[in-house]
N, C-alpha and C. Protein backbone atom coordinates (compact mmCIF):
# COMPACT_ATOMS: atom_id res chain seq x y z
N UNK A 1 109.06 141.27 34.24
CA UNK A 1 108.83 140.27 33.22
C UNK A 1 107.44 139.67 33.39
N UNK A 2 106.72 139.48 32.31
CA UNK A 2 105.47 138.72 32.40
C UNK A 2 105.76 137.30 32.86
N UNK A 3 104.89 136.76 33.68
CA UNK A 3 105.08 135.40 34.16
C UNK A 3 104.30 135.16 35.43
N UNK A 4 104.47 133.97 35.99
CA UNK A 4 103.79 133.59 37.22
C UNK A 4 104.75 133.76 38.38
N UNK A 5 104.29 134.44 39.43
CA UNK A 5 105.11 134.74 40.60
C UNK A 5 104.38 134.29 41.86
N UNK A 6 105.13 134.19 42.95
CA UNK A 6 104.56 133.87 44.25
C UNK A 6 104.83 135.03 45.19
N UNK A 7 103.83 135.30 46.05
CA UNK A 7 104.00 136.31 47.09
C UNK A 7 103.75 135.62 48.42
N UNK A 8 104.60 135.93 49.41
CA UNK A 8 104.44 135.34 50.74
C UNK A 8 104.36 136.46 51.76
N UNK A 9 103.38 136.39 52.64
CA UNK A 9 103.21 137.34 53.73
C UNK A 9 103.37 136.57 55.03
N UNK A 10 104.27 137.03 55.90
CA UNK A 10 104.49 136.38 57.19
C UNK A 10 104.20 137.39 58.29
N UNK A 11 103.29 137.01 59.20
CA UNK A 11 102.94 137.85 60.35
C UNK A 11 102.88 136.95 61.57
N UNK A 12 103.59 137.34 62.62
CA UNK A 12 103.60 136.59 63.87
C UNK A 12 103.90 135.10 63.66
N UNK A 13 104.84 134.81 62.79
CA UNK A 13 105.25 133.43 62.55
C UNK A 13 104.33 132.64 61.64
N UNK A 14 103.23 133.20 61.20
CA UNK A 14 102.34 132.51 60.29
C UNK A 14 102.49 133.09 58.89
N UNK A 15 102.57 132.18 57.91
CA UNK A 15 102.78 132.60 56.53
C UNK A 15 101.58 132.26 55.66
N UNK A 16 101.32 133.14 54.73
CA UNK A 16 100.32 132.89 53.70
C UNK A 16 101.02 133.11 52.36
N UNK A 17 100.71 132.29 51.39
CA UNK A 17 101.36 132.39 50.09
C UNK A 17 100.29 132.33 49.01
N UNK A 18 100.51 133.11 47.96
CA UNK A 18 99.58 133.09 46.83
C UNK A 18 100.37 133.26 45.54
N UNK A 19 99.81 132.79 44.47
CA UNK A 19 100.40 132.98 43.15
C UNK A 19 99.70 134.12 42.46
N UNK A 20 100.43 134.83 41.62
CA UNK A 20 99.82 135.85 40.79
C UNK A 20 100.54 135.88 39.45
N UNK A 21 99.89 136.44 38.47
CA UNK A 21 100.44 136.48 37.12
C UNK A 21 100.60 137.92 36.68
N UNK A 22 101.75 138.23 36.15
CA UNK A 22 101.97 139.53 35.50
C UNK A 22 101.78 139.29 34.01
N UNK A 23 100.83 140.00 33.44
CA UNK A 23 100.51 139.83 32.03
C UNK A 23 101.32 140.80 31.18
N UNK A 24 101.59 140.39 29.98
CA UNK A 24 102.27 141.26 29.02
C UNK A 24 101.31 142.37 28.62
N UNK A 25 101.82 143.56 28.48
CA UNK A 25 101.01 144.68 28.00
C UNK A 25 100.49 144.33 26.61
N UNK A 26 99.20 144.36 26.45
CA UNK A 26 98.58 143.99 25.17
C UNK A 26 98.99 144.92 24.04
N UNK A 27 99.38 146.12 24.39
CA UNK A 27 99.77 147.10 23.36
C UNK A 27 101.18 146.85 22.84
N UNK A 28 101.95 146.04 23.56
CA UNK A 28 103.35 145.81 23.20
C UNK A 28 103.46 144.75 22.12
N UNK A 29 104.30 145.02 21.13
CA UNK A 29 104.55 144.06 20.05
C UNK A 29 105.78 143.19 20.35
N UNK A 30 106.42 143.43 21.48
CA UNK A 30 107.63 142.68 21.84
C UNK A 30 107.29 141.24 22.22
N UNK A 31 108.19 140.34 21.84
CA UNK A 31 108.03 138.93 22.20
C UNK A 31 108.56 138.71 23.61
N UNK A 32 108.27 137.54 24.15
CA UNK A 32 108.78 137.17 25.48
C UNK A 32 110.31 137.19 25.46
N UNK A 33 110.92 136.75 24.36
CA UNK A 33 112.39 136.75 24.29
C UNK A 33 112.94 138.17 24.22
N UNK A 34 112.21 139.09 23.58
CA UNK A 34 112.63 140.50 23.56
C UNK A 34 112.60 141.08 24.98
N UNK A 35 111.53 140.77 25.70
CA UNK A 35 111.41 141.26 27.07
C UNK A 35 112.48 140.65 27.97
N UNK A 36 112.79 139.37 27.74
CA UNK A 36 113.84 138.72 28.53
C UNK A 36 115.19 139.36 28.24
N UNK A 37 115.44 139.69 26.96
CA UNK A 37 116.69 140.35 26.58
C UNK A 37 116.81 141.70 27.26
N UNK A 38 115.71 142.46 27.31
CA UNK A 38 115.73 143.76 27.98
C UNK A 38 115.99 143.58 29.48
N UNK A 39 115.29 142.63 30.08
CA UNK A 39 115.46 142.37 31.52
C UNK A 39 116.91 141.99 31.83
N UNK A 40 117.47 141.06 31.07
CA UNK A 40 118.86 140.62 31.29
C UNK A 40 119.83 141.78 31.12
N UNK A 41 119.61 142.58 30.11
CA UNK A 41 120.44 143.75 29.84
C UNK A 41 120.44 144.70 31.04
N UNK A 42 119.24 145.01 31.53
CA UNK A 42 119.12 145.94 32.65
C UNK A 42 119.72 145.37 33.93
N UNK A 43 119.61 144.07 34.14
CA UNK A 43 120.21 143.45 35.33
C UNK A 43 121.73 143.48 35.25
N UNK A 44 122.28 143.28 34.06
CA UNK A 44 123.74 143.35 33.89
C UNK A 44 124.24 144.77 34.16
N UNK A 45 123.51 145.76 33.66
CA UNK A 45 123.89 147.16 33.91
C UNK A 45 123.82 147.45 35.40
N UNK A 46 122.74 147.01 36.05
CA UNK A 46 122.60 147.25 37.49
C UNK A 46 123.76 146.64 38.27
N UNK A 47 124.17 145.42 37.89
CA UNK A 47 125.27 144.77 38.60
C UNK A 47 126.59 145.53 38.41
N UNK A 48 126.83 145.98 37.19
CA UNK A 48 128.06 146.75 36.93
C UNK A 48 128.05 148.05 37.72
N UNK A 49 126.91 148.73 37.74
CA UNK A 49 126.81 149.97 38.52
C UNK A 49 127.01 149.71 40.01
N UNK A 50 126.43 148.62 40.50
CA UNK A 50 126.62 148.27 41.92
C UNK A 50 128.09 148.03 42.22
N UNK A 51 128.77 147.31 41.33
CA UNK A 51 130.20 147.04 41.53
C UNK A 51 130.99 148.35 41.54
N UNK A 52 130.66 149.26 40.63
CA UNK A 52 131.36 150.55 40.58
C UNK A 52 131.10 151.35 41.85
N UNK A 53 129.85 151.41 42.27
CA UNK A 53 129.51 152.20 43.46
C UNK A 53 130.11 151.59 44.73
N UNK A 54 130.12 150.27 44.82
CA UNK A 54 130.76 149.63 45.98
C UNK A 54 132.26 149.91 45.99
N UNK A 55 132.89 149.94 44.82
CA UNK A 55 134.31 150.27 44.76
C UNK A 55 134.56 151.69 45.23
N UNK A 56 133.70 152.62 44.82
CA UNK A 56 133.84 154.01 45.25
C UNK A 56 133.69 154.12 46.76
N UNK A 57 132.69 153.43 47.32
CA UNK A 57 132.51 153.44 48.77
C UNK A 57 133.73 152.87 49.48
N UNK A 58 134.29 151.78 48.95
CA UNK A 58 135.48 151.18 49.56
C UNK A 58 136.68 152.11 49.48
N UNK A 59 136.84 152.76 48.34
CA UNK A 59 137.94 153.73 48.18
C UNK A 59 137.82 154.82 49.24
N UNK A 60 136.63 155.32 49.43
CA UNK A 60 136.43 156.41 50.40
C UNK A 60 136.66 155.93 51.83
N UNK A 61 136.30 154.69 52.11
CA UNK A 61 136.55 154.12 53.43
C UNK A 61 138.04 153.98 53.69
N UNK A 62 138.77 153.47 52.70
CA UNK A 62 140.22 153.32 52.84
C UNK A 62 140.87 154.69 52.99
N UNK A 63 140.39 155.67 52.21
CA UNK A 63 140.96 157.01 52.30
C UNK A 63 140.80 157.59 53.70
N UNK A 64 139.62 157.42 54.30
CA UNK A 64 139.40 157.91 55.67
C UNK A 64 140.36 157.25 56.65
N UNK A 65 140.57 155.95 56.49
CA UNK A 65 141.49 155.24 57.38
C UNK A 65 142.92 155.74 57.20
N UNK A 66 143.30 156.02 55.95
CA UNK A 66 144.66 156.52 55.70
C UNK A 66 144.84 157.93 56.24
N UNK A 67 143.80 158.74 56.17
CA UNK A 67 143.87 160.09 56.74
C UNK A 67 144.07 159.99 58.25
N UNK A 68 143.33 159.08 58.88
CA UNK A 68 143.48 158.87 60.33
C UNK A 68 144.90 158.43 60.65
N UNK A 69 145.43 157.49 59.86
CA UNK A 69 146.80 157.01 60.07
C UNK A 69 147.79 158.16 59.92
N UNK A 70 147.66 158.94 58.85
CA UNK A 70 148.61 160.04 58.62
C UNK A 70 148.50 161.10 59.71
N UNK A 71 147.29 161.36 60.19
CA UNK A 71 147.13 162.32 61.29
C UNK A 71 147.84 161.81 62.54
N UNK A 72 147.74 160.51 62.78
CA UNK A 72 148.38 159.91 63.94
C UNK A 72 149.91 160.00 63.84
N UNK A 73 150.42 159.80 62.63
CA UNK A 73 151.88 159.82 62.43
C UNK A 73 152.43 161.23 62.42
N UNK A 74 151.59 162.19 62.06
CA UNK A 74 152.03 163.58 62.04
C UNK A 74 153.14 163.78 61.02
N UNK A 75 154.06 164.66 61.37
CA UNK A 75 155.18 164.91 60.46
C UNK A 75 156.48 164.31 60.99
N UNK A 76 156.34 163.26 61.77
CA UNK A 76 157.49 162.56 62.33
C UNK A 76 158.32 161.96 61.19
N UNK A 77 159.57 162.35 61.12
CA UNK A 77 160.47 161.90 60.05
C UNK A 77 160.62 160.38 60.03
N UNK A 78 160.47 159.76 61.18
CA UNK A 78 160.59 158.31 61.27
C UNK A 78 159.54 157.60 60.40
N UNK A 79 158.39 158.27 60.17
CA UNK A 79 157.30 157.65 59.43
C UNK A 79 157.12 158.23 58.03
N UNK A 80 158.10 158.98 57.55
CA UNK A 80 158.00 159.63 56.23
C UNK A 80 157.72 158.61 55.13
N UNK A 81 158.35 157.45 55.17
CA UNK A 81 158.16 156.44 54.13
C UNK A 81 156.71 155.95 54.11
N UNK A 82 156.12 155.79 55.28
CA UNK A 82 154.72 155.34 55.36
C UNK A 82 153.79 156.43 54.82
N UNK A 83 154.06 157.66 55.21
CA UNK A 83 153.22 158.78 54.75
C UNK A 83 153.31 158.93 53.24
N UNK A 84 154.52 158.83 52.70
CA UNK A 84 154.70 158.92 51.25
C UNK A 84 153.96 157.79 50.53
N UNK A 85 154.02 156.58 51.10
CA UNK A 85 153.32 155.44 50.51
C UNK A 85 151.82 155.68 50.54
N UNK A 86 151.30 156.18 51.65
CA UNK A 86 149.86 156.47 51.76
C UNK A 86 149.44 157.54 50.75
N UNK A 87 150.28 158.57 50.58
CA UNK A 87 149.97 159.62 49.60
C UNK A 87 149.96 159.05 48.18
N UNK A 88 150.91 158.16 47.89
CA UNK A 88 150.98 157.52 46.58
C UNK A 88 149.72 156.68 46.32
N UNK A 89 149.31 155.92 47.31
CA UNK A 89 148.11 155.09 47.19
C UNK A 89 146.89 155.98 47.00
N UNK A 90 146.81 157.07 47.76
CA UNK A 90 145.68 157.97 47.63
C UNK A 90 145.60 158.54 46.22
N UNK A 91 146.72 158.84 45.63
CA UNK A 91 146.74 159.34 44.25
C UNK A 91 146.19 158.31 43.27
N UNK A 92 146.59 157.06 43.45
CA UNK A 92 146.08 155.98 42.59
C UNK A 92 144.58 155.78 42.79
N UNK A 93 144.15 155.82 44.05
CA UNK A 93 142.72 155.65 44.34
C UNK A 93 141.91 156.79 43.74
N UNK A 94 142.44 157.99 43.83
CA UNK A 94 141.75 159.17 43.27
C UNK A 94 141.58 159.01 41.77
N UNK A 95 142.62 158.52 41.09
CA UNK A 95 142.52 158.31 39.64
C UNK A 95 141.37 157.36 39.31
N UNK A 96 141.27 156.26 40.05
CA UNK A 96 140.20 155.29 39.82
C UNK A 96 138.85 155.91 40.13
N UNK A 97 138.74 156.55 41.29
CA UNK A 97 137.48 157.15 41.71
C UNK A 97 136.99 158.18 40.68
N UNK A 98 137.90 159.01 40.19
CA UNK A 98 137.52 160.07 39.26
C UNK A 98 137.20 159.55 37.86
N UNK A 99 137.66 158.36 37.52
CA UNK A 99 137.23 157.74 36.26
C UNK A 99 135.81 157.19 36.41
N UNK A 100 135.52 156.66 37.59
CA UNK A 100 134.20 156.06 37.81
C UNK A 100 133.13 157.11 38.10
N UNK A 101 133.48 158.18 38.81
CA UNK A 101 132.48 159.11 39.33
C UNK A 101 133.01 160.54 39.28
N UNK A 102 132.15 161.48 38.92
CA UNK A 102 132.55 162.88 38.88
C UNK A 102 132.50 163.44 40.30
N UNK A 103 133.68 163.53 40.91
CA UNK A 103 133.78 163.93 42.32
C UNK A 103 133.55 165.43 42.52
N UNK A 104 133.55 166.21 41.46
CA UNK A 104 133.37 167.66 41.60
C UNK A 104 131.90 168.06 41.63
N UNK A 105 131.01 167.14 41.36
CA UNK A 105 129.58 167.47 41.40
C UNK A 105 129.14 167.73 42.83
N UNK A 106 128.67 168.93 43.07
CA UNK A 106 128.16 169.30 44.38
C UNK A 106 126.72 169.80 44.30
N UNK A 107 126.33 170.28 43.13
CA UNK A 107 124.97 170.80 42.97
C UNK A 107 124.38 170.24 41.68
N UNK A 108 123.12 170.52 41.46
CA UNK A 108 122.43 170.01 40.27
C UNK A 108 123.00 170.62 38.99
N UNK A 109 123.60 171.79 39.08
CA UNK A 109 124.15 172.45 37.90
C UNK A 109 125.55 171.96 37.54
N UNK A 110 126.23 171.32 38.48
CA UNK A 110 127.61 170.93 38.24
C UNK A 110 127.81 170.00 37.04
N UNK A 111 126.88 169.09 36.73
CA UNK A 111 127.10 168.27 35.53
C UNK A 111 127.24 169.10 34.25
N UNK A 112 126.75 170.34 34.29
CA UNK A 112 126.94 171.22 33.14
C UNK A 112 128.37 171.72 33.07
N UNK A 113 129.03 171.79 34.22
CA UNK A 113 130.37 172.35 34.30
C UNK A 113 131.47 171.30 34.25
N UNK A 114 131.16 170.09 34.68
CA UNK A 114 132.16 169.04 34.76
C UNK A 114 131.68 167.83 33.98
N UNK A 115 132.55 167.20 33.22
CA UNK A 115 132.12 166.07 32.38
C UNK A 115 131.64 164.89 33.22
N UNK A 116 130.61 164.21 32.70
CA UNK A 116 130.09 163.04 33.39
C UNK A 116 131.09 161.90 33.26
N UNK A 117 131.03 160.97 34.19
CA UNK A 117 131.96 159.84 34.22
C UNK A 117 131.25 158.55 33.88
N UNK A 118 131.99 157.46 34.00
CA UNK A 118 131.50 156.16 33.55
C UNK A 118 130.20 155.72 34.20
N UNK A 119 130.09 155.90 35.52
CA UNK A 119 128.87 155.42 36.19
C UNK A 119 127.63 156.16 35.70
N UNK A 120 127.75 157.45 35.48
CA UNK A 120 126.60 158.22 35.02
C UNK A 120 126.23 157.84 33.59
N UNK A 121 127.24 157.64 32.76
CA UNK A 121 126.97 157.25 31.37
C UNK A 121 126.22 155.92 31.32
N UNK A 122 126.68 154.96 32.12
CA UNK A 122 126.03 153.65 32.12
C UNK A 122 124.63 153.74 32.73
N UNK A 123 124.47 154.53 33.78
CA UNK A 123 123.16 154.69 34.40
C UNK A 123 122.18 155.32 33.42
N UNK A 124 122.64 156.30 32.67
CA UNK A 124 121.77 156.94 31.69
C UNK A 124 121.40 155.96 30.57
N UNK A 125 122.35 155.17 30.15
CA UNK A 125 122.08 154.16 29.13
C UNK A 125 121.00 153.19 29.62
N UNK A 126 121.06 152.83 30.89
CA UNK A 126 120.07 151.95 31.48
C UNK A 126 118.68 152.59 31.43
N UNK A 127 118.63 153.87 31.72
CA UNK A 127 117.35 154.58 31.68
C UNK A 127 116.77 154.57 30.27
N UNK A 128 117.61 154.81 29.28
CA UNK A 128 117.15 154.81 27.89
C UNK A 128 116.68 153.41 27.48
N UNK A 129 117.48 152.39 27.80
CA UNK A 129 117.15 151.02 27.40
C UNK A 129 115.95 150.49 28.16
N UNK A 130 115.66 151.05 29.33
CA UNK A 130 114.53 150.59 30.13
C UNK A 130 113.22 151.27 29.77
N UNK A 131 113.26 152.21 28.85
CA UNK A 131 112.05 152.90 28.44
C UNK A 131 111.29 152.04 27.44
N UNK A 132 110.08 151.70 27.77
CA UNK A 132 109.27 150.87 26.87
C UNK A 132 109.58 149.39 27.06
N UNK A 133 108.91 148.58 26.25
CA UNK A 133 109.08 147.12 26.30
C UNK A 133 109.79 146.65 25.03
N UNK A 134 111.07 146.94 24.96
CA UNK A 134 111.80 146.63 23.73
C UNK A 134 113.11 145.94 24.04
N UNK A 135 113.50 145.08 23.14
CA UNK A 135 114.82 144.47 23.20
C UNK A 135 115.85 145.59 22.98
N UNK A 136 116.97 145.56 23.72
CA UNK A 136 117.99 146.58 23.51
C UNK A 136 118.52 146.53 22.08
N UNK A 137 118.78 147.70 21.54
CA UNK A 137 119.32 147.77 20.19
C UNK A 137 120.77 147.27 20.18
N UNK A 138 121.25 146.94 19.01
CA UNK A 138 122.65 146.52 18.89
C UNK A 138 123.59 147.62 19.37
N UNK A 139 123.23 148.87 19.09
CA UNK A 139 124.06 150.00 19.52
C UNK A 139 124.08 150.11 21.04
N UNK A 140 122.92 149.89 21.67
CA UNK A 140 122.86 149.96 23.13
C UNK A 140 123.71 148.86 23.76
N UNK A 141 123.68 147.67 23.17
CA UNK A 141 124.50 146.57 23.66
C UNK A 141 125.98 146.90 23.49
N UNK A 142 126.33 147.48 22.36
CA UNK A 142 127.73 147.82 22.10
C UNK A 142 128.23 148.89 23.08
N UNK A 143 127.41 149.91 23.33
CA UNK A 143 127.81 150.96 24.28
C UNK A 143 127.91 150.38 25.68
N UNK A 144 126.96 149.53 26.06
CA UNK A 144 127.00 148.90 27.39
C UNK A 144 128.29 148.10 27.54
N UNK A 145 128.63 147.32 26.52
CA UNK A 145 129.85 146.51 26.59
C UNK A 145 131.10 147.37 26.69
N UNK A 146 131.11 148.48 25.96
CA UNK A 146 132.26 149.39 26.03
C UNK A 146 132.39 150.02 27.41
N UNK A 147 131.28 150.55 27.93
CA UNK A 147 131.31 151.19 29.25
C UNK A 147 131.61 150.17 30.35
N UNK A 148 131.01 148.99 30.25
CA UNK A 148 131.26 147.95 31.24
C UNK A 148 132.73 147.57 31.24
N UNK A 149 133.34 147.45 30.06
CA UNK A 149 134.76 147.14 29.97
C UNK A 149 135.62 148.20 30.64
N UNK A 150 135.28 149.46 30.43
CA UNK A 150 136.04 150.56 31.05
C UNK A 150 135.87 150.56 32.56
N UNK A 151 134.64 150.29 33.02
CA UNK A 151 134.40 150.23 34.46
C UNK A 151 135.16 149.05 35.07
N UNK A 152 135.12 147.91 34.41
CA UNK A 152 135.83 146.73 34.92
C UNK A 152 137.34 146.98 34.97
N UNK A 153 137.87 147.74 34.01
CA UNK A 153 139.29 148.09 34.04
C UNK A 153 139.62 148.89 35.30
N UNK A 154 138.76 149.86 35.64
CA UNK A 154 138.99 150.67 36.84
C UNK A 154 138.84 149.83 38.11
N UNK A 155 137.86 148.95 38.14
CA UNK A 155 137.67 148.10 39.31
C UNK A 155 138.86 147.16 39.48
N UNK A 156 139.40 146.67 38.36
CA UNK A 156 140.60 145.82 38.42
C UNK A 156 141.78 146.60 38.98
N UNK A 157 141.92 147.87 38.57
CA UNK A 157 142.99 148.72 39.13
C UNK A 157 142.80 148.86 40.64
N UNK A 158 141.56 149.08 41.07
CA UNK A 158 141.27 149.23 42.49
C UNK A 158 141.62 147.94 43.23
N UNK A 159 141.24 146.80 42.67
CA UNK A 159 141.55 145.52 43.32
C UNK A 159 143.06 145.32 43.45
N UNK A 160 143.80 145.77 42.45
CA UNK A 160 145.27 145.67 42.50
C UNK A 160 145.83 146.58 43.60
N UNK A 161 145.27 147.77 43.74
CA UNK A 161 145.69 148.67 44.82
C UNK A 161 145.45 148.00 46.17
N UNK A 162 144.29 147.39 46.31
CA UNK A 162 143.95 146.70 47.57
C UNK A 162 144.90 145.55 47.87
N UNK A 163 145.13 144.71 46.87
CA UNK A 163 145.89 143.48 47.11
C UNK A 163 147.39 143.69 47.14
N UNK A 164 147.85 144.77 46.52
CA UNK A 164 149.30 145.01 46.49
C UNK A 164 149.70 146.21 47.34
N UNK A 165 149.20 147.37 46.99
CA UNK A 165 149.64 148.61 47.65
C UNK A 165 149.19 148.69 49.11
N UNK A 166 147.93 148.42 49.37
CA UNK A 166 147.43 148.49 50.75
C UNK A 166 148.11 147.42 51.60
N UNK A 167 148.29 146.25 51.03
CA UNK A 167 148.98 145.17 51.75
C UNK A 167 150.41 145.61 52.12
N UNK A 168 151.07 146.26 51.17
CA UNK A 168 152.44 146.75 51.43
C UNK A 168 152.44 147.85 52.49
N UNK A 169 151.45 148.74 52.44
CA UNK A 169 151.34 149.80 53.44
C UNK A 169 151.13 149.20 54.83
N UNK A 170 150.23 148.24 54.93
CA UNK A 170 149.99 147.59 56.22
C UNK A 170 151.24 146.91 56.75
N UNK A 171 152.01 146.32 55.86
CA UNK A 171 153.26 145.68 56.28
C UNK A 171 154.24 146.72 56.82
N UNK A 172 154.32 147.87 56.14
CA UNK A 172 155.21 148.93 56.59
C UNK A 172 154.80 149.43 57.97
N UNK A 173 153.50 149.59 58.18
CA UNK A 173 153.00 150.06 59.47
C UNK A 173 153.35 149.07 60.57
N UNK A 174 153.18 147.78 60.28
CA UNK A 174 153.51 146.75 61.28
C UNK A 174 155.01 146.73 61.59
N UNK A 175 155.82 146.86 60.54
CA UNK A 175 157.27 146.84 60.75
C UNK A 175 157.74 148.03 61.59
N UNK A 176 157.07 149.16 61.44
CA UNK A 176 157.43 150.35 62.23
C UNK A 176 156.77 150.33 63.60
N UNK A 177 155.95 149.31 63.86
CA UNK A 177 155.25 149.19 65.15
C UNK A 177 154.56 150.48 65.53
N UNK A 178 153.72 150.99 64.61
CA UNK A 178 152.98 152.21 64.87
C UNK A 178 152.00 151.94 66.00
N UNK A 179 152.06 152.79 67.03
CA UNK A 179 151.18 152.62 68.18
C UNK A 179 149.73 152.90 67.80
N UNK A 180 148.82 152.15 68.41
CA UNK A 180 147.39 152.36 68.18
C UNK A 180 146.97 153.73 68.72
N UNK A 181 147.55 154.11 69.85
CA UNK A 181 147.29 155.42 70.44
C UNK A 181 148.63 156.12 70.55
N UNK A 182 148.71 157.31 70.00
CA UNK A 182 149.97 158.03 70.01
C UNK A 182 149.72 159.43 70.55
N UNK A 183 150.47 159.79 71.56
CA UNK A 183 150.32 161.11 72.16
C UNK A 183 151.58 161.91 71.88
N UNK A 184 151.37 163.20 71.71
CA UNK A 184 152.52 164.08 71.59
C UNK A 184 153.15 164.17 72.97
N UNK A 185 154.41 164.52 73.00
CA UNK A 185 155.08 164.65 74.30
C UNK A 185 154.34 165.69 75.15
N UNK A 186 154.03 165.29 76.36
CA UNK A 186 153.32 166.18 77.27
C UNK A 186 154.34 166.74 78.25
N UNK A 187 154.49 168.05 78.24
CA UNK A 187 155.44 168.66 79.16
C UNK A 187 154.83 168.69 80.56
N UNK A 188 155.67 168.82 81.56
CA UNK A 188 155.19 168.80 82.93
C UNK A 188 154.28 169.99 83.21
N UNK A 189 154.41 171.08 82.48
CA UNK A 189 153.55 172.25 82.71
C UNK A 189 152.15 172.00 82.19
N UNK A 190 151.98 171.03 81.29
CA UNK A 190 150.66 170.73 80.74
C UNK A 190 149.95 169.64 81.51
N UNK A 191 150.62 169.04 82.47
CA UNK A 191 149.99 167.96 83.20
C UNK A 191 148.97 168.49 84.18
N UNK A 192 147.91 167.74 84.33
CA UNK A 192 146.86 168.14 85.28
C UNK A 192 147.28 167.72 86.68
N UNK A 193 146.95 168.52 87.64
CA UNK A 193 147.27 168.22 89.02
C UNK A 193 146.03 167.93 89.83
N UNK A 194 145.16 167.12 89.25
CA UNK A 194 143.95 166.76 89.98
C UNK A 194 144.28 165.66 90.96
N UNK A 195 143.72 165.75 92.17
CA UNK A 195 143.92 164.65 93.12
C UNK A 195 143.13 163.42 92.64
N UNK A 196 143.67 162.25 92.86
CA UNK A 196 143.01 161.02 92.46
C UNK A 196 142.15 160.47 93.55
């Protein structure tokens, strides 16, 4: 945005500060309010994308923890209910993740083979709206609002999974007193006979 800004440089505990001005491009016919509208639009898109990407990262973190839990429990019939619950949660998380992000993309050509998802659509819209010094068009605002609404719906689903399903899974694990470290039965023939 055109305007007056401050820059501060700190070295070895000493700071220097100066003001500088960013001037509007003389070739641009956009008003200050048009530029502000574009800036606000792009910041809103960035925040929505950040929220979507943070949700995806959280989903993947929870999934890794559930895989570790299921590996620890193995196929012990005593823990079947916990494993089934974890599988159910993973299915719900996958649905959210795949609405937000195309998980099948592995190479640059994959977007040709698999449809783009919400995050890519919104990111591309941001690129288009950020080209030049123009106020976003009514159509761009409408598409942003539609995509943002769809992303927020998925993030709300994720939050519900966290606050309800994960909470219930954790309760089940506590009730079953799942050990932090679990070893398979070690037969006497597998024991080491090292002197201590």
